[in-house]
Amino acid sequence: MLDPDIVIIGGGTAGLYSALGIDSWDGNYIVIEEKNNIGWSERTTGGIAKYWLDKYGIHLPDEVISTKIRSDEIIWKNFTTYRVLYNGDIRYVIKPIEFLRYLGNKIKGQIVLGERVLGYRKMNDNLFKVLTNKNTYISKFIINASGPFGVKVKAVDRHDMIIGYERGIKRKDIEHKIRIFFSDLAPMGYLWDFDGGNGTRREGLGFPVYIPMNPKKNLLAFLHAQNWDGEVVHEFSHPIPVAYPLDEVSMGNVAYVGDAGRFVFASTGGGIQGAILSGYNAGISLKHGNFDAYDLWYYNFRKYLLRHYKIKKLLYSFTLEEIDNLLYILKDYKPKTLNPIAELSRVVGYLMVRKPKIILNAIKSWV
């Protein structure tokens, strides 16, 4: 039985980046992963905003990137299109399985596969006992990267969950582009279509879980209407937490990262960048024997999560007709930066000046 200084629960993106953070100062840890291998699933759309990687100096090798997005199209109900061409790459689309296997091969610590963490508790001597279905481990610190429904993770209200369904199709189209569609087929959400690399497109949708609609049926209806057929290379469905940010992401010697710490940008459902940044910062923080540096980083990062949550609530309060109206106004809007947070704020301000009544009524409906 191993008794490491740090136990990382979960071998996904957040857990493996926690390990890389610890590797930066040669800490002693293990990663416990329930599945029998790393990179077992395709279950992520794979989009990462390049801005966040650049901001924190995180590099991804070309072999784990399937394509680089340079333009956006937002298409609303009447199929009027708002196009944005950026002066450079704004997003990376990763190869999920290759990405996780790359991380698994890169870390220095041991990965324990095929063990499910049942729970953990603090003992009298400030150590933790971590119980799995096969072993018991003793550690000083725990990094919880067990996902939104993991062990000792604060539950998310169903009204703050969306259901995402995606299908990868062999179909050539304009490369380096992502399309966002607002439609009755994705109420209070949207559909997406973007370059998946190697002659494939990733088509999907997301909407709140409490809406009584079948996401797969709706996506297939959408694809049929567009005449977008092709060989299916992957498909998956999974719930995504888009909840209000936690007040704190560490309690004593336990830190929560990735989906376990609600590091999902609620307005888009994107969680990979949050998993990378939270995991890496939690791991680095332990160089000083505590999570104080992680807490300080979160204090500054939380404002971005909160801003996304407010924008999500704003979007939920709009009707499709109001979205059509607002997006039509945006046809003249030009982005000034590759910073997604700054651009979201500028968009809201731009709309507020031109359609204050719609924006204010939406705000009143949920404040």
Protein backbone atom coordinates (compact mmCIF):
# COMPACT_ATOMS: atom_id res chain seq x y z
CA MET A 1 0.00 0.00 0.00
CA LEU A 2 1.25 3.48 -0.91
CA ASP A 3 1.17 6.36 1.56
CA PRO A 4 1.83 9.46 -0.57
CA ASP A 5 1.82 13.04 0.66
CA ILE A 6 -0.95 13.89 -1.81
CA VAL A 7 -3.82 11.86 -3.23
CA ILE A 8 -5.41 13.13 -6.44
CA ILE A 9 -8.88 11.69 -6.96
CA GLY A 10 -9.59 11.41 -10.68
CA GLY A 11 -7.40 10.95 -13.75
CA GLY A 12 -9.14 13.38 -16.07
CA THR A 13 -7.88 16.76 -17.25
CA ALA A 14 -8.08 18.47 -13.84
CA GLY A 15 -6.47 15.59 -11.98
CA LEU A 16 -3.60 15.20 -14.43
CA TYR A 17 -2.90 18.92 -14.51
CA SER A 18 -2.84 18.85 -10.71
CA ALA A 19 -0.13 16.22 -11.05
CA LEU A 20 1.82 18.41 -13.48
CA GLY A 21 1.61 21.28 -11.00
CA ILE A 22 3.03 19.04 -8.28
CA ASP A 23 5.72 17.77 -10.66
CA SER A 24 6.97 21.36 -10.98
CA TRP A 25 8.35 21.05 -7.44
CA ASP A 26 8.84 17.25 -7.32
CA GLY A 27 6.10 16.46 -4.82
CA ASN A 28 5.07 12.96 -3.77
CA TYR A 29 1.60 11.96 -4.99
CA ILE A 30 -0.56 9.33 -6.62
CA VAL A 31 -3.50 9.70 -9.00
CA ILE A 32 -6.41 7.34 -8.40
CA GLU A 33 -8.55 6.74 -11.49
CA GLU A 34 -11.70 4.63 -11.46
CA LYS A 35 -11.37 3.53 -15.10
CA ASN A 36 -8.85 0.96 -16.27
CA ASN A 37 -7.00 3.37 -18.54
CA ILE A 38 -6.31 7.05 -19.09
CA GLY A 39 -8.05 8.64 -22.05
CA TRP A 40 -10.91 6.17 -22.05
CA SER A 41 -13.57 8.53 -23.37
CA GLU A 42 -14.25 11.06 -26.13
CA ARG A 43 -16.80 12.81 -23.90
CA THR A 44 -15.82 16.43 -24.38
CA THR A 45 -16.35 18.83 -27.25
CA GLY A 46 -12.66 19.65 -26.91
CA GLY A 47 -12.77 23.42 -27.35
CA ILE A 48 -10.23 25.51 -25.42
CA ALA A 49 -9.95 29.29 -25.60
CA LYS A 50 -6.35 30.01 -26.54
CA TYR A 51 -6.42 33.19 -24.45
CA TRP A 52 -6.41 31.25 -21.17
CA LEU A 53 -3.51 29.03 -22.20
CA ASP A 54 -1.45 32.06 -23.24
CA LYS A 55 -2.37 33.98 -20.09
CA TYR A 56 -0.94 31.28 -17.83
CA GLY A 57 1.86 30.09 -20.11
CA ILE A 58 0.40 26.64 -20.77
CA HIS A 59 1.58 24.98 -23.97
CA LEU A 60 -0.20 22.21 -25.86
CA PRO A 61 1.78 20.18 -28.42
CA ASP A 62 0.46 20.03 -31.97
CA GLU A 63 -0.11 16.28 -31.77
CA VAL A 64 -3.03 16.72 -29.34
CA ILE A 65 -4.66 19.57 -31.31
CA SER A 66 -7.03 18.52 -34.08
CA THR A 67 -7.64 22.03 -35.43
CA LYS A 68 -7.33 25.73 -34.63
CA ILE A 69 -10.41 27.96 -34.84
CA ARG A 70 -9.99 31.38 -36.44
CA SER A 71 -13.57 32.46 -37.12
CA ASP A 72 -17.02 32.29 -35.53
CA GLU A 73 -20.45 32.37 -37.09
CA ILE A 74 -23.59 32.97 -35.05
CA ILE A 75 -26.71 31.93 -36.94
CA TRP A 76 -30.15 32.69 -35.59
CA LYS A 77 -33.65 31.52 -36.26
CA ASN A 78 -34.14 33.00 -39.72
CA PHE A 79 -30.62 31.82 -40.70
CA THR A 80 -29.24 35.33 -40.87
CA THR A 81 -25.54 34.98 -40.11
CA TYR A 82 -23.19 37.11 -38.04
CA ARG A 83 -19.57 36.34 -38.94
CA VAL A 84 -16.49 37.16 -36.91
CA LEU A 85 -13.01 36.64 -38.35
CA TYR A 86 -10.25 36.98 -35.77
CA ASN A 87 -6.71 38.09 -36.39
CA GLY A 88 -5.24 34.77 -35.31
CA ASP A 89 -6.25 31.51 -33.64
CA ILE A 90 -8.87 32.03 -30.94
CA ARG A 91 -9.61 28.42 -29.95
CA TYR A 92 -7.98 25.04 -30.08
CA VAL A 93 -9.98 21.88 -30.60
CA ILE A 94 -8.15 19.05 -28.90
CA LYS A 95 -8.19 15.32 -29.53
CA PRO A 96 -9.65 14.26 -26.17
CA ILE A 97 -8.25 10.74 -25.95
CA GLU A 98 -4.79 11.66 -27.26
CA PHE A 99 -4.75 14.72 -24.99
CA LEU A 100 -5.37 12.72 -21.81
CA ARG A 101 -2.91 10.00 -22.79
CA TYR A 102 -0.30 12.65 -23.49
CA LEU A 103 -0.83 14.04 -19.97
CA GLY A 104 -0.79 10.57 -18.44
CA ASN A 105 2.57 9.82 -20.06
CA LYS A 106 4.00 13.18 -19.08
CA ILE A 107 3.42 13.13 -15.32
CA LYS A 108 6.07 11.71 -12.98
CA GLY A 109 3.84 10.26 -10.26
CA GLN A 110 2.09 6.91 -10.14
CA ILE A 111 -1.38 6.45 -11.60
CA VAL A 112 -3.47 3.81 -9.83
CA LEU A 113 -6.03 2.50 -12.34
CA GLY A 114 -9.25 0.61 -11.76
CA GLU A 115 -9.88 1.85 -8.22
CA ARG A 116 -12.95 3.80 -7.18
CA VAL A 117 -12.63 6.16 -4.23
CA LEU A 118 -15.49 5.45 -1.83
CA GLY A 119 -14.69 8.26 0.58
CA TYR A 120 -12.10 9.91 2.76
CA ARG A 121 -11.96 11.29 6.28
CA LYS A 122 -9.58 13.28 8.41
CA MET A 123 -7.85 11.48 11.27
CA ASN A 124 -6.68 12.94 14.58
CA ASP A 125 -3.11 13.56 13.40
CA ASN A 126 -4.14 15.84 10.49
CA LEU A 127 -3.76 13.00 8.02
CA PHE A 128 -6.46 11.68 5.71
CA LYS A 129 -7.58 8.11 5.26
CA VAL A 130 -8.68 7.54 1.67
CA LEU A 131 -10.76 4.41 1.13
CA THR A 132 -11.16 2.81 -2.30
CA ASN A 133 -12.89 -0.38 -3.38
CA LYS A 134 -9.49 -2.13 -3.19
CA ASN A 135 -7.14 -0.28 -0.84
CA THR A 136 -6.71 2.30 1.89
CA TYR A 137 -4.26 5.20 1.55
CA ILE A 138 -2.96 7.70 4.09
CA SER A 139 -2.10 11.21 2.87
CA LYS A 140 -1.56 14.77 4.06
CA PHE A 141 -3.49 16.46 1.24
CA ILE A 142 -6.30 15.61 -1.15
CA ILE A 143 -7.01 17.17 -4.54
CA ASN A 144 -10.55 16.23 -5.50
CA ALA A 145 -10.90 16.01 -9.28
CA SER A 146 -13.70 13.44 -9.20
CA GLY A 147 -16.13 15.37 -11.41
CA PRO A 148 -19.51 17.03 -10.81
CA PHE A 149 -21.02 13.93 -9.19
CA GLY A 150 -17.88 12.69 -7.48
CA VAL A 151 -17.07 11.82 -3.89
CA LYS A 152 -17.86 14.60 -1.40
CA VAL A 153 -18.67 17.07 -4.19
CA LYS A 154 -21.34 19.68 -3.50
CA ALA A 155 -24.48 18.78 -5.44
CA VAL A 156 -25.60 20.97 -8.33
CA ASP A 157 -29.27 21.89 -8.62
CA ARG A 158 -30.88 20.41 -11.74
CA HIS A 159 -31.80 23.93 -12.87
CA ASP A 160 -28.07 24.57 -13.16
CA MET A 161 -27.36 21.53 -15.32
CA ILE A 162 -27.47 21.28 -19.09
CA ILE A 163 -27.52 18.12 -21.15
CA GLY A 164 -25.07 18.04 -24.01
CA TYR A 165 -25.18 15.65 -26.95
CA GLU A 166 -22.56 15.56 -29.70
CA ARG A 167 -21.93 13.54 -32.81
CA GLY A 168 -18.70 13.55 -34.82
CA ILE A 169 -19.29 13.14 -38.56
CA LYS A 170 -16.95 12.67 -41.49
CA ARG A 171 -17.93 15.72 -43.51
CA LYS A 172 -15.72 18.32 -45.12
CA ASP A 173 -16.59 21.97 -44.67
CA ILE A 174 -14.82 25.27 -44.18
CA GLU A 175 -11.88 24.63 -41.87
CA HIS A 176 -10.96 26.62 -38.76
CA LYS A 177 -14.54 27.78 -38.22
CA ILE A 178 -17.20 27.29 -35.56
CA ARG A 179 -20.92 27.94 -36.05
CA ILE A 180 -23.41 28.59 -33.26
CA PHE A 181 -27.13 28.16 -34.03
CA PHE A 182 -30.03 29.46 -31.95
CA SER A 183 -33.09 27.31 -32.58
CA ASP A 184 -36.27 25.88 -31.05
CA LEU A 185 -34.44 22.53 -31.13
CA ALA A 186 -32.16 23.78 -28.34
CA PRO A 187 -34.38 25.91 -26.07
CA MET A 188 -32.42 28.12 -23.66
CA GLY A 189 -29.27 26.74 -25.28
CA TYR A 190 -27.75 26.41 -28.72
CA LEU A 191 -26.44 24.03 -31.37
CA TRP A 192 -22.85 23.95 -32.58
CA ASP A 193 -20.95 22.84 -35.64
CA PHE A 194 -17.19 23.13 -35.87
CA ASP A 195 -14.13 21.78 -37.54
CA GLY A 196 -12.97 18.61 -35.82
CA GLY A 197 -9.88 18.15 -37.96
CA ASN A 198 -9.03 15.36 -40.42
CA GLY A 199 -12.12 15.94 -42.54
CA THR A 200 -14.61 15.73 -39.68
CA ARG A 201 -17.15 18.07 -38.13
CA ARG A 202 -18.35 18.04 -34.52
CA GLU A 203 -22.09 18.68 -34.33
CA GLY A 204 -23.91 19.03 -31.04
CA LEU A 205 -26.39 20.84 -28.85
CA GLY A 206 -27.03 21.67 -25.24
CA PHE A 207 -30.04 22.82 -23.23
CA PRO A 208 -31.23 22.62 -19.58
CA VAL A 209 -31.84 19.08 -18.31
CA TYR A 210 -35.30 19.94 -16.97
CA ILE A 211 -36.66 20.64 -20.48
CA PRO A 212 -38.59 17.51 -21.55
CA MET A 213 -36.94 17.05 -24.94
CA ASN A 214 -34.68 14.35 -26.38
CA PRO A 215 -31.28 15.89 -27.27
CA LYS A 216 -30.30 13.12 -29.69
CA LYS A 217 -33.62 13.30 -31.52
CA ASN A 218 -33.35 17.09 -31.78
CA LEU A 219 -29.78 17.00 -33.09
CA LEU A 220 -30.64 14.40 -35.72
CA ALA A 221 -33.60 16.53 -36.83
CA PHE A 222 -31.27 19.51 -37.16
CA LEU A 223 -28.65 17.56 -39.12
CA HIS A 224 -31.32 16.15 -41.42
CA ALA A 225 -32.68 19.65 -42.11
CA GLN A 226 -29.17 20.82 -43.05
CA ASN A 227 -28.55 17.70 -45.15
CA TRP A 228 -25.41 17.11 -43.10
CA ASP A 229 -24.91 13.40 -43.38
CA GLY A 230 -21.77 11.33 -43.06
CA GLU A 231 -20.10 8.45 -41.28
CA VAL A 232 -20.38 8.79 -37.50
CA VAL A 233 -16.96 8.67 -35.83
CA HIS A 234 -18.10 9.32 -32.26
CA GLU A 235 -21.16 10.30 -30.25
CA PHE A 236 -21.84 10.94 -26.59
CA SER A 237 -24.26 12.56 -24.20
CA HIS A 238 -23.41 13.93 -20.78
CA PRO A 239 -24.66 16.42 -18.18
CA ILE A 240 -22.68 19.63 -17.70
CA PRO A 241 -22.81 21.71 -14.50
CA VAL A 242 -23.31 25.42 -15.23
CA ALA A 243 -23.80 26.42 -11.61
CA TYR A 244 -23.09 29.45 -9.48
CA PRO A 245 -19.37 29.50 -8.56
CA LEU A 246 -18.38 28.13 -5.17
CA ASP A 247 -17.40 30.64 -2.50
CA GLU A 248 -14.34 28.55 -1.67
CA VAL A 249 -12.57 25.72 -3.48
CA SER A 250 -10.46 24.46 -0.60
CA MET A 251 -11.26 23.37 2.93
CA GLY A 252 -8.19 22.86 5.06
CA ASN A 253 -6.03 20.33 3.25
CA VAL A 254 -8.63 19.41 0.60
CA ALA A 255 -8.95 21.28 -2.71
CA TYR A 256 -11.59 20.92 -5.41
CA VAL A 257 -10.61 21.29 -9.06
CA GLY A 258 -12.27 20.95 -12.47
CA ASP A 259 -15.96 20.08 -12.49
CA ALA A 260 -15.74 19.11 -8.82
CA GLY A 261 -14.95 22.77 -8.11
CA ARG A 262 -17.49 24.12 -10.63
CA PHE A 263 -14.85 25.44 -13.01
CA VAL A 264 -17.20 25.48 -16.00
CA PHE A 265 -17.90 28.70 -17.90
CA ALA A 266 -21.67 28.69 -17.49
CA SER A 267 -22.56 30.73 -20.58
CA THR A 268 -20.85 28.26 -22.93
CA GLY A 269 -20.61 25.02 -20.95
CA GLY A 270 -16.86 24.98 -21.60
CA GLY A 271 -14.90 23.29 -18.84
CA ILE A 272 -11.52 22.21 -20.19
CA GLN A 273 -9.75 25.50 -19.60
CA GLY A 274 -11.13 25.61 -16.06
CA ALA A 275 -9.95 22.05 -15.45
CA ILE A 276 -6.45 22.85 -16.71
CA LEU A 277 -6.06 26.09 -14.76
CA SER A 278 -7.60 24.94 -11.48
CA GLY A 279 -5.69 21.66 -11.45
CA TYR A 280 -2.34 23.21 -12.25
CA ASN A 281 -2.71 26.02 -9.71
CA ALA A 282 -3.81 23.64 -6.95
CA GLY A 283 -0.79 21.44 -7.62
CA ILE A 284 1.67 24.33 -7.63
CA SER A 285 0.19 25.75 -4.42
CA LEU A 286 1.20 22.69 -2.40
CA LYS A 287 4.86 23.58 -2.89
CA HIS A 288 4.29 25.80 0.17
CA GLY A 289 2.55 23.08 2.16
CA ASN A 290 -0.96 24.52 1.85
CA PHE A 291 -3.60 25.70 -0.62
CA ASP A 292 -3.23 29.41 0.21
CA ALA A 293 -1.83 30.31 -3.22
CA TYR A 294 -4.62 28.32 -4.88
CA ASP A 295 -7.22 30.21 -2.84
CA LEU A 296 -5.66 33.53 -3.86
CA TRP A 297 -5.66 32.52 -7.52
CA TYR A 298 -9.31 31.46 -7.23
CA TYR A 299 -10.25 34.77 -5.62
CA ASN A 300 -9.14 36.49 -8.83
CA PHE A 301 -10.40 33.84 -11.25
CA ARG A 302 -13.85 33.51 -9.68
CA LYS A 303 -14.95 36.85 -11.13
CA TYR A 304 -14.70 35.33 -14.62
CA LEU A 305 -16.81 32.34 -13.60
CA LEU A 306 -19.34 34.66 -12.00
CA ARG A 307 -19.52 36.83 -15.11
CA HIS A 308 -20.23 33.77 -17.26
CA TYR A 309 -22.94 32.66 -14.83
CA LYS A 310 -24.65 36.05 -15.02
CA ILE A 311 -24.51 35.98 -18.82
CA LYS A 312 -26.02 32.48 -18.78
CA LYS A 313 -28.91 33.70 -16.64
CA LEU A 314 -29.35 36.62 -19.00
CA LEU A 315 -29.51 34.31 -22.02
CA TYR A 316 -32.01 32.03 -20.27
CA SER A 317 -34.36 34.98 -19.80
CA PHE A 318 -34.51 35.87 -23.51
CA THR A 319 -37.07 34.57 -25.97
CA LEU A 320 -35.82 33.39 -29.36
CA GLU A 321 -37.37 36.48 -30.91
CA GLU A 322 -35.41 38.71 -28.53
CA ILE A 323 -32.22 36.80 -29.32
CA ASP A 324 -32.92 37.30 -33.03
CA ASN A 325 -33.35 41.01 -32.39
CA LEU A 326 -30.15 41.32 -30.38
CA LEU A 327 -28.05 39.26 -32.78
CA TYR A 328 -29.27 41.34 -35.68
CA ILE A 329 -27.91 44.40 -33.90
CA LEU A 330 -24.58 42.61 -33.47
CA LYS A 331 -24.05 42.37 -37.22
CA ASP A 332 -22.05 45.61 -37.00
CA TYR A 333 -20.05 44.61 -33.91
CA LYS A 334 -16.33 43.97 -34.41
CA PRO A 335 -14.18 42.26 -31.76
CA LYS A 336 -11.08 44.12 -30.65
CA THR A 337 -9.22 41.38 -28.79
CA LEU A 338 -8.82 37.60 -28.52
CA ASN A 339 -9.86 37.80 -24.86
CA PRO A 340 -13.25 36.02 -24.60
CA ILE A 341 -14.15 37.56 -21.24
CA ALA A 342 -13.40 41.08 -22.40
CA GLU A 343 -15.38 40.54 -25.58
CA LEU A 344 -18.40 39.16 -23.70
CA SER A 345 -18.42 42.26 -21.52
CA ARG A 346 -18.09 44.52 -24.55
CA VAL A 347 -20.97 42.72 -26.29
CA VAL A 348 -23.28 43.20 -23.30
CA GLY A 349 -22.33 46.89 -23.13
CA TYR A 350 -22.83 47.26 -26.88
CA LEU A 351 -26.33 45.77 -26.64
CA MET A 352 -27.18 47.73 -23.50
CA VAL A 353 -26.63 51.01 -25.32
CA ARG A 354 -28.71 49.96 -28.33
CA LYS A 355 -31.47 47.86 -26.72
CA PRO A 356 -31.59 48.84 -23.04
CA LYS A 357 -35.23 47.83 -22.55
CA ILE A 358 -34.68 44.20 -23.58
CA ILE A 359 -31.54 43.88 -21.47
CA LEU A 360 -33.04 45.56 -18.40
CA ASN A 361 -36.22 43.48 -18.56
CA ALA A 362 -34.12 40.33 -18.81
CA ILE A 363 -32.02 41.36 -15.80
CA LYS A 364 -35.16 42.11 -13.75
CA SER A 365 -36.52 38.64 -14.50
CA TRP A 366 -33.75 36.86 -12.59
CA VAL A 367 -32.15 39.35 -10.19
